[in-house]
N, C-alpha and C. Protein backbone atom coordinates (compact mmCIF):
# COMPACT_ATOMS: atom_id res chain seq x y z
N UNK A 1 3.51 -5.73 11.85
CA UNK A 1 3.39 -4.60 12.73
C UNK A 1 1.91 -4.23 12.80
N UNK A 2 1.44 -3.88 13.98
CA UNK A 2 0.04 -3.55 14.14
C UNK A 2 -0.27 -2.20 13.50
N UNK A 3 -1.51 -2.02 13.16
CA UNK A 3 -1.92 -0.80 12.47
C UNK A 3 -1.68 0.45 13.31
N UNK A 4 -2.06 0.50 14.62
CA UNK A 4 -1.80 1.72 15.39
C UNK A 4 -0.32 2.06 15.46
N UNK A 5 0.54 1.03 15.56
CA UNK A 5 1.97 1.29 15.64
C UNK A 5 2.47 1.83 14.31
N UNK A 6 1.96 1.31 13.18
CA UNK A 6 2.33 1.82 11.86
C UNK A 6 1.91 3.28 11.71
N UNK A 7 0.70 3.58 12.16
CA UNK A 7 0.22 4.96 12.10
C UNK A 7 1.06 5.86 13.00
N UNK A 8 1.46 5.35 14.14
CA UNK A 8 2.28 6.12 15.07
C UNK A 8 3.62 6.46 14.45
N UNK A 9 4.25 5.48 13.85
CA UNK A 9 5.55 5.72 13.22
C UNK A 9 5.42 6.72 12.07
N UNK A 10 4.36 6.63 11.30
CA UNK A 10 4.13 7.57 10.20
C UNK A 10 3.92 8.99 10.75
N UNK A 11 3.16 9.13 11.84
CA UNK A 11 2.90 10.44 12.43
C UNK A 11 4.17 11.07 12.96
N UNK A 12 4.99 10.28 13.63
CA UNK A 12 6.25 10.82 14.17
C UNK A 12 7.19 11.21 13.03
N UNK A 13 7.26 10.38 11.98
CA UNK A 13 8.11 10.71 10.83
C UNK A 13 7.64 11.99 10.15
N UNK A 14 6.32 12.15 10.00
CA UNK A 14 5.78 13.36 9.39
C UNK A 14 6.08 14.59 10.24
N UNK A 15 5.94 14.45 11.55
CA UNK A 15 6.22 15.57 12.45
C UNK A 15 7.69 15.95 12.39
N UNK A 16 8.57 14.97 12.33
CA UNK A 16 10.01 15.25 12.25
C UNK A 16 10.34 15.97 10.95
N UNK A 17 9.69 15.60 9.87
CA UNK A 17 9.95 16.23 8.57
C UNK A 17 9.44 17.66 8.53
N UNK A 18 8.41 17.97 9.30
CA UNK A 18 7.81 19.30 9.26
C UNK A 18 8.44 20.31 10.19
N UNK A 19 9.29 19.87 11.12
CA UNK A 19 9.78 20.83 12.10
C UNK A 19 10.68 21.87 11.44
N UNK A 20 10.62 23.08 12.00
CA UNK A 20 11.37 24.19 11.45
C UNK A 20 12.83 24.08 11.88
N UNK A 21 13.65 24.96 11.34
CA UNK A 21 15.05 24.99 11.74
C UNK A 21 15.12 25.21 13.24
N UNK A 22 15.87 24.37 13.94
CA UNK A 22 15.87 24.46 15.40
C UNK A 22 16.41 25.79 15.90
N UNK A 23 15.70 26.34 16.85
CA UNK A 23 16.17 27.55 17.51
C UNK A 23 17.26 27.14 18.48
N UNK A 24 17.81 28.11 19.17
CA UNK A 24 18.81 27.78 20.18
C UNK A 24 18.08 27.02 21.28
N UNK A 25 17.96 25.73 21.08
CA UNK A 25 17.15 24.90 21.96
C UNK A 25 17.79 24.77 23.33
N UNK A 26 16.99 24.99 24.33
CA UNK A 26 17.42 24.78 25.70
C UNK A 26 16.87 23.43 26.13
N UNK A 27 17.76 22.53 26.53
CA UNK A 27 17.31 21.22 26.98
C UNK A 27 16.63 21.40 28.33
N UNK A 28 15.43 20.84 28.44
CA UNK A 28 14.64 21.05 29.64
C UNK A 28 14.04 19.75 30.12
N UNK A 29 13.61 19.77 31.36
CA UNK A 29 12.85 18.69 31.97
C UNK A 29 11.40 19.13 32.03
N UNK A 30 10.51 18.13 32.03
CA UNK A 30 9.09 18.43 32.16
C UNK A 30 8.45 17.38 33.04
N UNK A 31 7.71 17.83 34.02
CA UNK A 31 6.92 16.95 34.88
C UNK A 31 5.46 17.33 34.67
N UNK A 32 4.62 16.33 34.45
CA UNK A 32 3.21 16.62 34.17
C UNK A 32 2.29 15.70 34.97
N UNK A 33 1.18 16.23 35.36
CA UNK A 33 0.09 15.43 35.91
C UNK A 33 -0.87 15.19 34.76
N UNK A 34 -1.15 13.91 34.46
CA UNK A 34 -2.01 13.59 33.32
C UNK A 34 -3.23 12.81 33.79
N UNK A 35 -4.33 13.03 33.07
CA UNK A 35 -5.60 12.41 33.46
C UNK A 35 -6.38 12.08 32.20
N UNK A 36 -6.80 10.81 32.10
CA UNK A 36 -7.69 10.40 31.02
C UNK A 36 -9.01 9.98 31.68
N UNK A 37 -10.00 10.86 31.66
CA UNK A 37 -11.28 10.53 32.29
C UNK A 37 -12.03 9.46 31.50
N UNK A 38 -12.70 8.58 32.22
CA UNK A 38 -13.47 7.51 31.59
C UNK A 38 -14.54 8.01 30.64
N UNK A 39 -15.10 9.17 30.93
CA UNK A 39 -16.15 9.72 30.08
C UNK A 39 -15.65 10.19 28.71
N UNK A 40 -14.33 10.36 28.55
CA UNK A 40 -13.77 10.80 27.28
C UNK A 40 -13.04 9.67 26.57
N UNK A 41 -13.29 8.43 26.98
CA UNK A 41 -12.64 7.26 26.36
C UNK A 41 -13.69 6.44 25.61
N UNK A 42 -13.21 5.62 24.67
CA UNK A 42 -14.15 4.86 23.85
C UNK A 42 -14.86 3.76 24.63
N UNK A 43 -14.30 3.31 25.74
CA UNK A 43 -14.89 2.20 26.47
C UNK A 43 -14.87 2.39 27.99
N UNK A 44 -14.76 3.60 28.45
CA UNK A 44 -14.77 3.87 29.87
C UNK A 44 -13.43 3.69 30.55
N UNK A 45 -12.38 3.38 29.81
CA UNK A 45 -11.07 3.21 30.45
C UNK A 45 -10.61 4.56 30.97
N UNK A 46 -9.82 4.54 32.01
CA UNK A 46 -9.37 5.78 32.62
C UNK A 46 -7.96 5.60 33.17
N UNK A 47 -7.25 6.71 33.32
CA UNK A 47 -5.93 6.64 33.94
C UNK A 47 -5.57 7.99 34.54
N UNK A 48 -4.73 7.93 35.54
CA UNK A 48 -4.16 9.11 36.18
C UNK A 48 -2.69 8.81 36.40
N UNK A 49 -1.82 9.75 35.99
CA UNK A 49 -0.40 9.45 36.14
C UNK A 49 0.45 10.69 36.31
N UNK A 50 1.67 10.45 36.77
CA UNK A 50 2.70 11.46 36.88
C UNK A 50 3.71 11.14 35.79
N UNK A 51 4.00 12.11 34.96
CA UNK A 51 4.84 11.93 33.78
C UNK A 51 6.12 12.74 33.92
N UNK A 52 7.23 12.18 33.39
CA UNK A 52 8.50 12.91 33.31
C UNK A 52 9.02 12.79 31.89
N UNK A 53 9.44 13.90 31.31
CA UNK A 53 10.03 13.91 29.97
C UNK A 53 11.31 14.73 30.01
N UNK A 54 12.32 14.25 29.29
CA UNK A 54 13.59 14.98 29.16
C UNK A 54 13.76 15.35 27.69
N UNK A 55 13.74 16.64 27.42
CA UNK A 55 13.92 17.11 26.04
C UNK A 55 15.39 16.98 25.67
N UNK A 56 15.66 16.56 24.43
CA UNK A 56 17.05 16.41 24.01
C UNK A 56 17.37 17.10 22.69
N UNK A 57 16.51 17.97 22.22
CA UNK A 57 16.81 18.79 21.05
C UNK A 57 15.85 18.60 19.90
N UNK A 58 15.68 19.67 19.12
CA UNK A 58 14.80 19.69 17.95
C UNK A 58 13.37 19.27 18.27
N UNK A 59 12.91 19.51 19.48
CA UNK A 59 11.54 19.19 19.88
C UNK A 59 11.34 17.77 20.38
N UNK A 60 12.38 16.93 20.35
CA UNK A 60 12.26 15.52 20.77
C UNK A 60 12.47 15.37 22.26
N UNK A 61 11.76 14.42 22.85
CA UNK A 61 11.90 14.12 24.28
C UNK A 61 11.69 12.64 24.51
N UNK A 62 12.33 12.12 25.53
CA UNK A 62 12.11 10.75 26.02
C UNK A 62 11.56 10.87 27.42
N UNK A 63 10.68 9.94 27.78
CA UNK A 63 10.11 10.03 29.12
C UNK A 63 9.34 8.80 29.50
N UNK A 64 8.63 8.95 30.59
CA UNK A 64 7.82 7.85 31.10
C UNK A 64 6.78 8.36 32.06
N UNK A 65 5.87 7.46 32.42
CA UNK A 65 4.80 7.79 33.35
C UNK A 65 4.61 6.66 34.34
N UNK A 66 4.21 7.01 35.53
CA UNK A 66 3.79 6.04 36.53
C UNK A 66 2.47 6.55 37.10
N UNK A 67 1.51 5.65 37.24
CA UNK A 67 0.21 6.05 37.73
C UNK A 67 -0.68 4.86 37.98
N UNK A 68 -1.98 5.08 37.89
CA UNK A 68 -2.93 3.99 38.07
C UNK A 68 -4.14 4.21 37.19
N UNK A 69 -4.83 3.13 36.91
CA UNK A 69 -6.02 3.21 36.08
C UNK A 69 -6.46 1.85 35.62
N UNK A 70 -7.55 1.79 34.87
CA UNK A 70 -8.04 0.52 34.32
C UNK A 70 -7.93 0.59 32.81
N UNK A 71 -6.72 0.57 32.31
CA UNK A 71 -6.49 0.82 30.90
C UNK A 71 -6.83 -0.36 30.00
N UNK A 72 -7.28 -1.48 30.56
CA UNK A 72 -7.62 -2.60 29.68
C UNK A 72 -9.11 -2.84 29.57
N UNK A 73 -9.81 -2.94 30.66
CA UNK A 73 -11.24 -3.25 30.61
C UNK A 73 -12.06 -2.24 31.39
N UNK A 74 -13.24 -1.98 30.92
CA UNK A 74 -14.10 -1.01 31.60
C UNK A 74 -14.43 -1.45 33.02
N UNK A 75 -14.67 -2.73 33.24
CA UNK A 75 -15.11 -3.21 34.55
C UNK A 75 -13.96 -3.69 35.44
N UNK A 76 -12.71 -3.67 34.95
CA UNK A 76 -11.62 -4.18 35.76
C UNK A 76 -11.23 -3.20 36.86
N UNK A 77 -10.52 -3.70 37.85
CA UNK A 77 -10.07 -2.85 38.95
C UNK A 77 -8.90 -1.99 38.49
N UNK A 78 -8.72 -0.86 39.15
CA UNK A 78 -7.57 -0.02 38.85
C UNK A 78 -6.29 -0.74 39.25
N UNK A 79 -5.24 -0.48 38.51
CA UNK A 79 -3.95 -1.07 38.81
C UNK A 79 -2.82 -0.10 38.51
N UNK A 80 -1.61 -0.53 38.77
CA UNK A 80 -0.42 0.26 38.51
C UNK A 80 -0.19 0.38 37.01
N UNK A 81 0.13 1.56 36.55
CA UNK A 81 0.35 1.85 35.14
C UNK A 81 1.77 2.37 34.96
N UNK A 82 2.55 1.76 34.05
CA UNK A 82 3.89 2.22 33.71
C UNK A 82 3.99 2.39 32.19
N UNK A 83 4.47 3.53 31.73
CA UNK A 83 4.59 3.81 30.30
C UNK A 83 5.95 4.42 29.99
N UNK A 84 6.50 4.08 28.83
CA UNK A 84 7.68 4.73 28.28
C UNK A 84 7.24 5.46 27.02
N UNK A 85 7.87 6.61 26.72
CA UNK A 85 7.40 7.39 25.58
C UNK A 85 8.55 8.07 24.86
N UNK A 86 8.31 8.32 23.57
CA UNK A 86 9.12 9.24 22.77
C UNK A 86 8.12 10.25 22.20
N UNK A 87 8.51 11.53 22.25
CA UNK A 87 7.57 12.59 21.86
C UNK A 87 8.28 13.63 21.03
N UNK A 88 7.57 14.18 20.06
CA UNK A 88 8.04 15.35 19.33
C UNK A 88 7.02 16.46 19.54
N UNK A 89 7.54 17.65 19.88
CA UNK A 89 6.69 18.83 20.08
C UNK A 89 7.31 19.98 19.31
N UNK A 90 6.49 20.73 18.61
CA UNK A 90 6.99 21.90 17.87
C UNK A 90 7.69 22.85 18.85
N UNK A 91 8.84 23.34 18.45
CA UNK A 91 9.60 24.22 19.34
C UNK A 91 9.00 25.61 19.42
N UNK A 92 8.39 26.06 18.35
CA UNK A 92 7.72 27.36 18.35
C UNK A 92 6.24 27.15 18.15
N UNK A 93 5.47 28.13 18.47
CA UNK A 93 4.03 28.01 18.30
C UNK A 93 3.61 28.15 16.85
N UNK A 94 2.35 27.95 16.61
CA UNK A 94 1.79 28.12 15.27
C UNK A 94 1.74 29.60 14.93
N UNK A 95 1.73 29.90 13.64
CA UNK A 95 1.66 31.29 13.18
C UNK A 95 0.42 31.96 13.76
N UNK A 96 0.60 33.08 14.41
CA UNK A 96 -0.52 33.81 15.00
C UNK A 96 -0.95 33.27 16.36
N UNK A 97 -0.45 32.09 16.75
CA UNK A 97 -0.77 31.50 18.05
C UNK A 97 0.51 30.95 18.68
N UNK A 98 1.39 31.81 19.16
CA UNK A 98 2.68 31.35 19.67
C UNK A 98 2.57 30.46 20.90
N UNK A 99 1.45 30.45 21.55
CA UNK A 99 1.23 29.65 22.75
C UNK A 99 0.78 28.23 22.44
N UNK A 100 0.45 27.91 21.18
CA UNK A 100 -0.06 26.60 20.79
C UNK A 100 1.02 25.81 20.05
N UNK A 101 1.47 24.69 20.65
CA UNK A 101 2.54 23.88 20.07
C UNK A 101 2.05 22.45 19.84
N UNK A 102 1.89 22.02 18.58
CA UNK A 102 1.46 20.65 18.28
C UNK A 102 2.48 19.63 18.80
N UNK A 103 1.99 18.44 19.15
CA UNK A 103 2.88 17.37 19.60
C UNK A 103 2.32 16.02 19.18
N UNK A 104 3.23 15.06 18.96
CA UNK A 104 2.87 13.68 18.67
C UNK A 104 3.84 12.78 19.43
N UNK A 105 3.42 11.56 19.72
CA UNK A 105 4.29 10.66 20.45
C UNK A 105 3.86 9.22 20.36
N UNK A 106 4.78 8.34 20.77
CA UNK A 106 4.54 6.90 20.87
C UNK A 106 4.69 6.51 22.33
N UNK A 107 3.86 5.59 22.79
CA UNK A 107 3.97 5.10 24.15
C UNK A 107 3.86 3.58 24.18
N UNK A 108 4.59 2.98 25.10
CA UNK A 108 4.51 1.54 25.31
C UNK A 108 4.64 1.28 26.80
N UNK A 109 3.86 0.37 27.30
CA UNK A 109 3.93 0.05 28.72
C UNK A 109 2.95 -1.02 29.10
N UNK A 110 2.51 -0.95 30.33
CA UNK A 110 1.58 -1.95 30.80
C UNK A 110 0.93 -1.54 32.10
N UNK A 111 0.01 -2.37 32.51
CA UNK A 111 -0.70 -2.14 33.76
C UNK A 111 -0.90 -3.48 34.46
N UNK A 112 -0.96 -3.43 35.76
CA UNK A 112 -1.23 -4.64 36.52
C UNK A 112 -1.99 -4.29 37.79
N UNK A 113 -2.87 -5.17 38.21
CA UNK A 113 -3.51 -5.04 39.51
C UNK A 113 -3.29 -6.34 40.29
N UNK A 114 -2.11 -6.89 40.19
CA UNK A 114 -1.61 -8.11 40.81
C UNK A 114 -2.16 -9.35 40.12
N UNK A 115 -3.46 -9.46 39.93
CA UNK A 115 -4.05 -10.66 39.36
C UNK A 115 -4.19 -10.59 37.84
N UNK A 116 -4.15 -9.40 37.28
CA UNK A 116 -4.29 -9.23 35.84
C UNK A 116 -3.24 -8.25 35.35
N UNK A 117 -2.64 -8.55 34.20
CA UNK A 117 -1.70 -7.62 33.60
C UNK A 117 -2.08 -7.43 32.13
N UNK A 118 -1.72 -6.28 31.60
CA UNK A 118 -2.01 -6.00 30.19
C UNK A 118 -0.87 -5.16 29.63
N UNK A 119 -0.47 -5.46 28.38
CA UNK A 119 0.48 -4.64 27.64
C UNK A 119 -0.30 -3.57 26.91
N UNK A 120 0.33 -2.44 26.68
CA UNK A 120 -0.34 -1.31 26.08
C UNK A 120 0.64 -0.61 25.12
N UNK A 121 0.23 -0.37 23.89
CA UNK A 121 1.05 0.36 22.92
C UNK A 121 0.15 1.30 22.14
N UNK A 122 0.61 2.52 21.93
CA UNK A 122 -0.23 3.45 21.21
C UNK A 122 0.49 4.69 20.75
N UNK A 123 -0.26 5.54 20.13
CA UNK A 123 0.21 6.80 19.58
C UNK A 123 -0.73 7.90 20.08
N UNK A 124 -0.18 9.10 20.23
CA UNK A 124 -1.05 10.22 20.58
C UNK A 124 -0.66 11.44 19.77
N UNK A 125 -1.63 12.29 19.58
CA UNK A 125 -1.42 13.57 18.89
C UNK A 125 -2.25 14.61 19.61
N UNK A 126 -1.69 15.78 19.74
CA UNK A 126 -2.42 16.82 20.45
C UNK A 126 -1.67 18.12 20.45
N UNK A 127 -1.81 18.86 21.54
CA UNK A 127 -1.21 20.18 21.63
C UNK A 127 -0.76 20.49 23.04
N UNK A 128 0.29 21.27 23.11
CA UNK A 128 0.78 21.85 24.36
C UNK A 128 0.39 23.32 24.31
N UNK A 129 -0.32 23.79 25.33
CA UNK A 129 -0.77 25.17 25.38
C UNK A 129 0.03 25.87 26.47
N UNK A 130 0.97 26.72 26.07
CA UNK A 130 1.89 27.37 27.01
C UNK A 130 1.19 28.53 27.72
N UNK A 131 1.18 28.47 29.05
CA UNK A 131 0.67 29.57 29.85
C UNK A 131 1.81 30.52 30.22
N UNK A 132 3.02 29.96 30.33
CA UNK A 132 4.23 30.73 30.60
C UNK A 132 5.41 29.85 30.16
N UNK A 133 6.63 30.31 30.40
CA UNK A 133 7.80 29.49 30.05
C UNK A 133 7.88 28.21 30.89
N UNK A 134 7.28 28.21 32.07
CA UNK A 134 7.38 27.08 32.97
C UNK A 134 6.09 26.26 33.09
N UNK A 135 4.97 26.79 32.70
CA UNK A 135 3.68 26.13 32.92
C UNK A 135 2.91 26.01 31.62
N UNK A 136 2.28 24.86 31.43
CA UNK A 136 1.46 24.66 30.25
C UNK A 136 0.43 23.57 30.46
N UNK A 137 -0.47 23.43 29.53
CA UNK A 137 -1.51 22.42 29.56
C UNK A 137 -1.38 21.56 28.31
N UNK A 138 -1.73 20.29 28.42
CA UNK A 138 -1.71 19.41 27.25
C UNK A 138 -3.09 18.80 27.04
N UNK A 139 -3.42 18.63 25.79
CA UNK A 139 -4.65 17.94 25.38
C UNK A 139 -4.24 17.00 24.25
N UNK A 140 -4.43 15.69 24.45
CA UNK A 140 -4.01 14.69 23.48
C UNK A 140 -5.14 13.72 23.19
N UNK A 141 -5.19 13.25 21.96
CA UNK A 141 -6.04 12.11 21.62
C UNK A 141 -5.12 10.90 21.55
N UNK A 142 -5.35 9.92 22.40
CA UNK A 142 -4.52 8.72 22.52
C UNK A 142 -5.27 7.54 21.92
N UNK A 143 -4.60 6.75 21.08
CA UNK A 143 -5.22 5.54 20.54
C UNK A 143 -4.17 4.45 20.41
N UNK A 144 -4.60 3.22 20.65
CA UNK A 144 -3.66 2.11 20.56
C UNK A 144 -4.31 0.77 20.80
N UNK A 145 -3.48 -0.21 21.15
CA UNK A 145 -3.92 -1.58 21.39
C UNK A 145 -3.55 -1.98 22.81
N UNK A 146 -4.42 -2.76 23.41
CA UNK A 146 -4.17 -3.36 24.71
C UNK A 146 -4.23 -4.87 24.53
N UNK A 147 -3.31 -5.58 25.19
CA UNK A 147 -3.25 -7.03 25.08
C UNK A 147 -3.24 -7.63 26.48
N UNK A 148 -4.23 -8.47 26.75
CA UNK A 148 -4.36 -9.14 28.04
C UNK A 148 -4.30 -10.64 27.80
N UNK A 149 -3.44 -11.33 28.56
CA UNK A 149 -3.32 -12.78 28.42
C UNK A 149 -3.22 -13.40 29.80
N UNK A 150 -4.08 -14.37 30.07
CA UNK A 150 -4.06 -15.09 31.34
C UNK A 150 -4.71 -16.45 31.12
N UNK A 151 -3.97 -17.52 31.41
CA UNK A 151 -4.51 -18.86 31.20
C UNK A 151 -4.87 -19.07 29.75
N UNK A 152 -6.12 -19.45 29.48
CA UNK A 152 -6.54 -19.63 28.09
C UNK A 152 -7.28 -18.40 27.56
N UNK A 153 -7.17 -17.26 28.25
CA UNK A 153 -7.75 -16.00 27.78
C UNK A 153 -6.66 -15.19 27.09
N UNK A 154 -6.90 -14.84 25.85
CA UNK A 154 -5.98 -14.01 25.08
C UNK A 154 -6.83 -12.96 24.39
N UNK A 155 -6.82 -11.76 24.93
CA UNK A 155 -7.73 -10.72 24.47
C UNK A 155 -6.94 -9.49 24.01
N UNK A 156 -7.22 -9.03 22.80
CA UNK A 156 -6.65 -7.79 22.28
C UNK A 156 -7.81 -6.86 21.98
N UNK A 157 -7.60 -5.58 22.27
CA UNK A 157 -8.66 -4.63 21.97
C UNK A 157 -8.10 -3.25 21.67
N UNK A 158 -8.86 -2.50 20.91
CA UNK A 158 -8.50 -1.12 20.62
C UNK A 158 -8.95 -0.25 21.77
N UNK A 159 -8.10 0.66 22.17
CA UNK A 159 -8.43 1.59 23.24
C UNK A 159 -8.09 3.00 22.77
N UNK A 160 -8.88 3.97 23.16
CA UNK A 160 -8.62 5.35 22.78
C UNK A 160 -9.33 6.29 23.74
N UNK A 161 -8.86 7.51 23.78
CA UNK A 161 -9.48 8.50 24.64
C UNK A 161 -8.74 9.82 24.59
N UNK A 162 -9.29 10.81 25.26
CA UNK A 162 -8.69 12.13 25.37
C UNK A 162 -7.96 12.21 26.70
N UNK A 163 -6.71 12.65 26.65
CA UNK A 163 -5.90 12.79 27.87
C UNK A 163 -5.59 14.25 28.09
N UNK A 164 -5.79 14.73 29.32
CA UNK A 164 -5.54 16.11 29.70
C UNK A 164 -4.34 16.16 30.63
N UNK A 165 -3.61 17.26 30.62
CA UNK A 165 -2.45 17.34 31.49
C UNK A 165 -2.11 18.77 31.90
N UNK A 166 -1.40 18.85 33.01
CA UNK A 166 -0.84 20.09 33.52
C UNK A 166 0.66 19.88 33.62
N UNK A 167 1.44 20.64 32.84
CA UNK A 167 2.88 20.39 32.71
C UNK A 167 3.70 21.52 33.31
N UNK A 168 4.75 21.14 34.04
CA UNK A 168 5.70 22.07 34.64
C UNK A 168 7.06 21.83 34.00
N UNK A 169 7.62 22.85 33.36
CA UNK A 169 8.92 22.73 32.68
C UNK A 169 9.98 23.48 33.49
N UNK A 170 11.16 22.86 33.57
CA UNK A 170 12.26 23.48 34.29
C UNK A 170 13.59 23.10 33.68
């Protein structure tokens, strides 16, 4: 198992162990616009996507994203980005800051621009900042591995960056 994936599993397990007794959880949907600017990434990679998550209790959610970006190489062309995710988010805020809810998650997916494809797997940790019951902002640090294979080229690299989001819950 790769190191980022091992770290991701450990982070999710730790988050699950730390969650408080579940409140009367309301299962909700969340749609978010997410953006990882190239200037906040380790190698200029960038992405923009539309994300959907379905909460299913105790802070856990399953979801996915569709968007575009150059998530493998700094100089490559933008392509279609598809991601699947599992996420845990604290149901209540931190003591003294009820609007701040920590979150961690795992993502797996890929990107293609017709001529090049890359697999992508990673973990993220960050926070959801609630502006209201329906609106919030997310700030995550995302890190993982990208794998590109074509012909006799087999390239793996570490990718990381800060991802920002605007989330609508309903």
